[in-house]
Amino acid sequence: MSERKWVKEAFRNPNHCLSSVTTRDLNSAWKGHELSSHKMREWGAVRSFEEALEKARTGYTEITEEMKDTFEAAKKYIYARVEPKHAMPVNDYVGSTPNVTRAILGLPKDMRRVDVKDKKVPGVHLVYEGGVNCGHEDRDLATYGARMLALVSLCIRQQIPVKLSITDSTEGLLSQSNGVVTMEVTIKEYEDAANIRKIAYWIAHPSTFRRINFAWMETSPIIERHCSGYGYPVSNYDDDCEFVRKKYESEGAFWFSSRDFRSDDDILKAWERIAPKE
């Protein structure tokens, strides 16, 4: 039995992705078929492909109250359960402030300094698979994405450098029927400041996965066949998720699907996977 195929097209940043899906011709698989990415109707929380492009470039400027509430509640929940990382004061012979108690008692090392030689925490590459099947409402995508955003926020609070990518992985678009194709877009490099509104669009706005990703399927050269309904998202099944997760683990990345963020407790489980080991 032949090995299950996994084919990925990776974009180095959002502009690279948007430029590709708007300038490439349709691939041979999608020629002659209806283009769901461009349907003029309420789909993916926008009415047109052009509106999705605008939001992708400017960020999630009108984040819904429901998503804000989900994000803030998730942050509050996990922040209360994960001890914050701070530089700890250390007693020494030299320092910036005296340790009065030790000085009065005549003990050595009666000065305090902040230990800036704390062990450097390695960065983590987080990958979020936000695609779901059509049985999920737009608000579901926003809720799952808001929880992923809370995980990113926690990493930043814990002083962990984060590289963040989004993926949409689909079965049914290769000649091998169970093969998987993945669109990957890096939306934050380790050294980048966290632009929460732009990050929020790519991981939580439904049009990322219901307009932009469909346009990618329609134009990507790695797609080998058309599948009505645009294939089957790997988030449908645990074994498909595990297949892609292991592929990313082999690349040193932590891959999560929307199935991993159905509750605030799930964020803590995700944190346990990536938290630096003492």
Foldseek 3Di string as FASTA:
>chain_A
DDDFAEAEDEAAALVSLVVQLVPFDFAPQCPPHDQQLAQQCCWLNDRGNVVLVVCLVPFQPCPDPVLVVLLVVLLVVVPVVDDFDDQDKDQAQDADAFQVVCVVVVHHSGYIHGPPVPDDAEAAEEEEAQDAAPVDDLVLQQNLLSNVLSLVVRCVRNVHQYWYKYKWKFACQDPPRGHIYMYIHTHDHRPDDDPPRSSSSCRRRRSNRRNSVSSCQRGPPVGDHDDPRRGHTLVVDPVSVVVVQVVVVVVRHGYDYSVQRPDSVSSVVSCVVPPDDD
